[in-house]
C-alpha atoms as a PDB file:
ATOM      1  CA  MET A   1      16.548  51.928 -40.546  1.00  0.00           C
ATOM      2  CA  PRO A   2      16.232  51.754 -36.398  1.00  0.00           C
ATOM      3  CA  VAL A   3      12.843  50.387 -35.228  1.00  0.00           C
ATOM      4  CA  ARG A   4      11.217  52.395 -33.390  1.00  0.00           C
ATOM      5  CA  LEU A   5       9.888  51.410 -30.063  1.00  0.00           C
ATOM      6  CA  CYS A   6       6.417  53.307 -28.035  1.00  0.00           C
ATOM      7  CA  PRO A   7       6.748  55.164 -25.462  1.00  0.00           C
ATOM      8  CA  ALA A   8       4.581  53.551 -23.131  1.00  0.00           C
ATOM      9  CA  CYS A   9       5.025  49.716 -23.986  1.00  0.00           C
ATOM     10  CA  GLY A  10       8.264  49.087 -25.071  1.00  0.00           C
ATOM     11  CA  TRP A  11       7.447  47.225 -27.921  1.00  0.00           C
ATOM     12  CA  PRO A  12       8.510  47.796 -31.720  1.00  0.00           C
ATOM     13  CA  ILE A  13       6.098  50.172 -34.017  1.00  0.00           C
ATOM     14  CA  THR A  14       6.459  48.106 -36.824  1.00  0.00           C
ATOM     15  CA  ALA A  15       3.134  49.533 -38.206  1.00  0.00           C
ATOM     16  CA  GLY A  16       2.739  52.888 -36.069  1.00  0.00           C
ATOM     17  CA  TRP A  17      -0.792  51.039 -34.409  1.00  0.00           C
ATOM     18  CA  PHE A  18      -0.964  53.395 -31.991  1.00  0.00           C
ATOM     19  CA  ASP A  19      -1.309  57.139 -32.749  1.00  0.00           C
ATOM     20  CA  ASP A  20      -1.045  58.813 -29.562  1.00  0.00           C
ATOM     21  CA  ALA A  21      -1.371  62.962 -30.770  1.00  0.00           C
ATOM     22  CA  ARG A  22      -5.190  61.952 -32.050  1.00  0.00           C
ATOM     23  CA  HIS A  23      -5.676  58.922 -29.321  1.00  0.00           C
ATOM     24  CA  GLY A  24      -6.660  56.469 -31.819  1.00  0.00           C
ATOM     25  CA  ILE A  25      -5.469  53.194 -33.803  1.00  0.00           C
ATOM     26  CA  VAL A  26      -4.009  52.523 -37.084  1.00  0.00           C
ATOM     27  CA  VAL A  27      -5.084  49.609 -38.716  1.00  0.00           C
ATOM     28  CA  GLY A  28      -4.274  48.899 -42.298  1.00  0.00           C
ATOM     29  CA  GLY A  29      -3.734  52.626 -42.818  1.00  0.00           C
ATOM     30  CA  GLU A  30      -7.616  53.855 -41.588  1.00  0.00           C
ATOM     31  CA  PHE A  31      -7.593  56.258 -38.204  1.00  0.00           C
ATOM     32  CA  ARG A  32     -10.181  54.130 -35.625  1.00  0.00           C
ATOM     33  CA  ALA A  33     -10.427  56.726 -32.903  1.00  0.00           C
ATOM     34  CA  VAL A  34     -10.820  55.783 -29.394  1.00  0.00           C
ATOM     35  CA  PRO A  35     -13.091  57.318 -27.473  1.00  0.00           C
ATOM     36  CA  ALA A  36     -11.863  58.776 -24.094  1.00  0.00           C
ATOM     37  CA  THR A  37     -12.106  56.091 -21.513  1.00  0.00           C
ATOM     38  CA  PRO A  38     -11.216  54.066 -23.903  1.00  0.00           C
ATOM     39  CA  TRP A  39      -7.804  55.525 -24.620  1.00  0.00           C
ATOM     40  CA  THR A  40      -7.610  55.713 -20.749  1.00  0.00           C
ATOM     41  CA  LEU A  41      -8.048  52.103 -20.487  1.00  0.00           C
ATOM     42  CA  LEU A  42      -5.815  51.445 -23.306  1.00  0.00           C
ATOM     43  CA  SER A  43      -3.105  54.237 -22.180  1.00  0.00           C
ATOM     44  CA  PHE A  44      -2.740  52.386 -18.542  1.00  0.00           C
ATOM     45  CA  PHE A  45      -2.459  49.044 -20.372  1.00  0.00           C
ATOM     46  CA  ARG A  46      -0.042  48.880 -22.512  1.00  0.00           C
ATOM     47  CA  ARG A  47       1.867  50.590 -19.961  1.00  0.00           C
ATOM     48  CA  PHE A  48       2.259  47.262 -18.540  1.00  0.00           C
ATOM     49  CA  PRO A  49       2.818  45.089 -21.099  1.00  0.00           C
ATOM     50  CA  GLY A  50       2.192  40.676 -20.680  1.00  0.00           C
ATOM     51  CA  GLN A  51       1.544  41.175 -16.785  1.00  0.00           C
ATOM     52  CA  VAL A  52      -2.027  41.157 -15.380  1.00  0.00           C
ATOM     53  CA  MET A  53      -3.974  43.689 -14.007  1.00  0.00           C
ATOM     54  CA  PRO A  54      -6.571  42.947 -11.156  1.00  0.00           C
ATOM     55  CA  THR A  55      -9.889  44.799 -11.786  1.00  0.00           C
ATOM     56  CA  GLU A  56      -9.218  46.773  -8.767  1.00  0.00           C
ATOM     57  CA  ARG A  57      -6.063  48.156  -9.878  1.00  0.00           C
ATOM     58  CA  ILE A  58      -7.622  49.296 -13.281  1.00  0.00           C
ATOM     59  CA  TYR A  59     -10.650  50.887 -12.116  1.00  0.00           C
ATOM     60  CA  ASP A  60      -8.514  53.226  -9.645  1.00  0.00           C
ATOM     61  CA  ALA A  61      -7.032  54.209 -12.372  1.00  0.00           C
ATOM     62  CA  LEU A  62      -9.700  54.705 -14.848  1.00  0.00           C
ATOM     63  CA  TYR A  63     -11.925  57.260 -11.885  1.00  0.00           C
ATOM     64  CA  ALA A  64      -8.868  57.996  -9.206  1.00  0.00           C
ATOM     65  CA  GLY A  65     -10.500  61.055  -6.631  1.00  0.00           C
ATOM     66  CA  ARG A  66     -14.001  60.652  -9.181  1.00  0.00           C
ATOM     67  CA  GLU A  67     -16.535  61.657  -5.892  1.00  0.00           C
ATOM     68  CA  ASN A  68     -19.202  59.784  -8.073  1.00  0.00           C
ATOM     69  CA  PRO A  69     -17.769  56.825 -10.588  1.00  0.00           C
ATOM     70  CA  PRO A  70     -19.788  54.333 -12.657  1.00  0.00           C
ATOM     71  CA  ALA A  71     -20.609  51.512 -11.176  1.00  0.00           C
ATOM     72  CA  GLY A  72     -21.566  47.966 -12.712  1.00  0.00           C
ATOM     73  CA  ASN A  73     -19.886  46.571 -15.968  1.00  0.00           C
ATOM     74  CA  THR A  74     -18.835  49.749 -16.957  1.00  0.00           C
ATOM     75  CA  LEU A  75     -14.576  48.511 -17.436  1.00  0.00           C
ATOM     76  CA  ARG A  76     -16.267  45.064 -19.550  1.00  0.00           C
ATOM     77  CA  VAL A  77     -18.645  47.793 -21.938  1.00  0.00           C
ATOM     78  CA  HIS A  78     -14.932  49.668 -22.485  1.00  0.00           C
ATOM     79  CA  ILE A  79     -13.045  46.501 -22.817  1.00  0.00           C
ATOM     80  CA  CYS A  80     -15.687  45.253 -25.431  1.00  0.00           C
ATOM     81  CA  LYS A  81     -15.122  49.154 -26.561  1.00  0.00           C
ATOM     82  CA  LEU A  82     -10.926  48.144 -26.858  1.00  0.00           C
ATOM     83  CA  ARG A  83     -11.257  44.341 -28.119  1.00  0.00           C
ATOM     84  CA  ARG A  84     -12.537  45.958 -31.523  1.00  0.00           C
ATOM     85  CA  LEU A  85     -10.736  48.439 -31.836  1.00  0.00           C
ATOM     86  CA  LEU A  86      -7.827  46.425 -31.818  1.00  0.00           C
ATOM     87  CA  ALA A  87      -9.305  43.543 -34.071  1.00  0.00           C
ATOM     88  CA  GLY A  88      -6.384  42.901 -36.495  1.00  0.00           C
ATOM     89  CA  THR A  89      -3.047  44.123 -34.934  1.00  0.00           C
ATOM     90  CA  PRO A  90      -0.929  42.163 -32.926  1.00  0.00           C
ATOM     91  CA  PHE A  91      -2.066  42.735 -29.490  1.00  0.00           C
ATOM     92  CA  VAL A  92      -5.126  41.873 -27.327  1.00  0.00           C
ATOM     93  CA  ILE A  93      -6.860  41.944 -23.260  1.00  0.00           C
ATOM     94  CA  VAL A  94      -7.286  38.373 -22.232  1.00  0.00           C
ATOM     95  CA  SER A  95      -9.634  37.652 -18.677  1.00  0.00           C
ATOM     96  CA  ARG A  96      -8.936  36.161 -16.307  1.00  0.00           C
ATOM     97  CA  SER A  97      -9.168  35.081 -13.627  1.00  0.00           C
ATOM     98  CA  SER A  98      -8.278  32.677  -9.887  1.00  0.00           C
ATOM     99  CA  ALA A  99      -9.373  32.294  -6.739  1.00  0.00           C
ATOM    100  CA  TRP A 100      -6.262  33.599  -5.160  1.00  0.00           C
ATOM    101  CA  ALA A 101      -5.742  36.586  -7.254  1.00  0.00           C
ATOM    102  CA  GLY A 102      -9.927  37.579  -7.852  1.00  0.00           C
ATOM    103  CA  SER A 103     -10.194  38.597 -11.787  1.00  0.00           C
ATOM    104  CA  GLY A 104      -8.020  41.916 -14.072  1.00  0.00           C
ATOM    105  CA  TYR A 105      -7.058  41.798 -17.286  1.00  0.00           C
ATOM    106  CA  LEU A 106      -3.830  41.121 -19.642  1.00  0.00           C
ATOM    107  CA  PHE A 107      -3.173  43.467 -23.124  1.00  0.00           C
ATOM    108  CA  ASP A 108       0.024  41.746 -24.247  1.00  0.00           C
ATOM    109  CA  LEU A 109       0.502  40.413 -28.750  1.00  0.00           C
ATOM    110  CA  ALA A 110      -1.620  37.364 -29.935  1.00  0.00           C
ATOM    111  CA  PRO A 111      -0.212  34.626 -30.016  1.00  0.00           C
ATOM    112  CA  ALA A 112       1.196  33.846 -32.666  1.00  0.00           C
END
């Protein structure tokens, strides 16, 4: 039987982790609904697996074109929600920061 690949990130789907039609994550047969903004964030990360995404680029992907985008730590709150929803999957969101590249996040497979 051929292995299905995620249409967004190209990784093998071995347990049906993402339910794109219902905007959710499936863990152990349990469906976890993902709210709209965290789902947009997860979809963005899935397009760039293994790459550090600068905070500004993520913010633009979430709020581009909005007249009054949210300020403060809104992105951190959505990242925290996604991390909780991803618990039990082989995926992680890791904070990255450096003096020359600024801060950002990495969506990747959890280390074995």
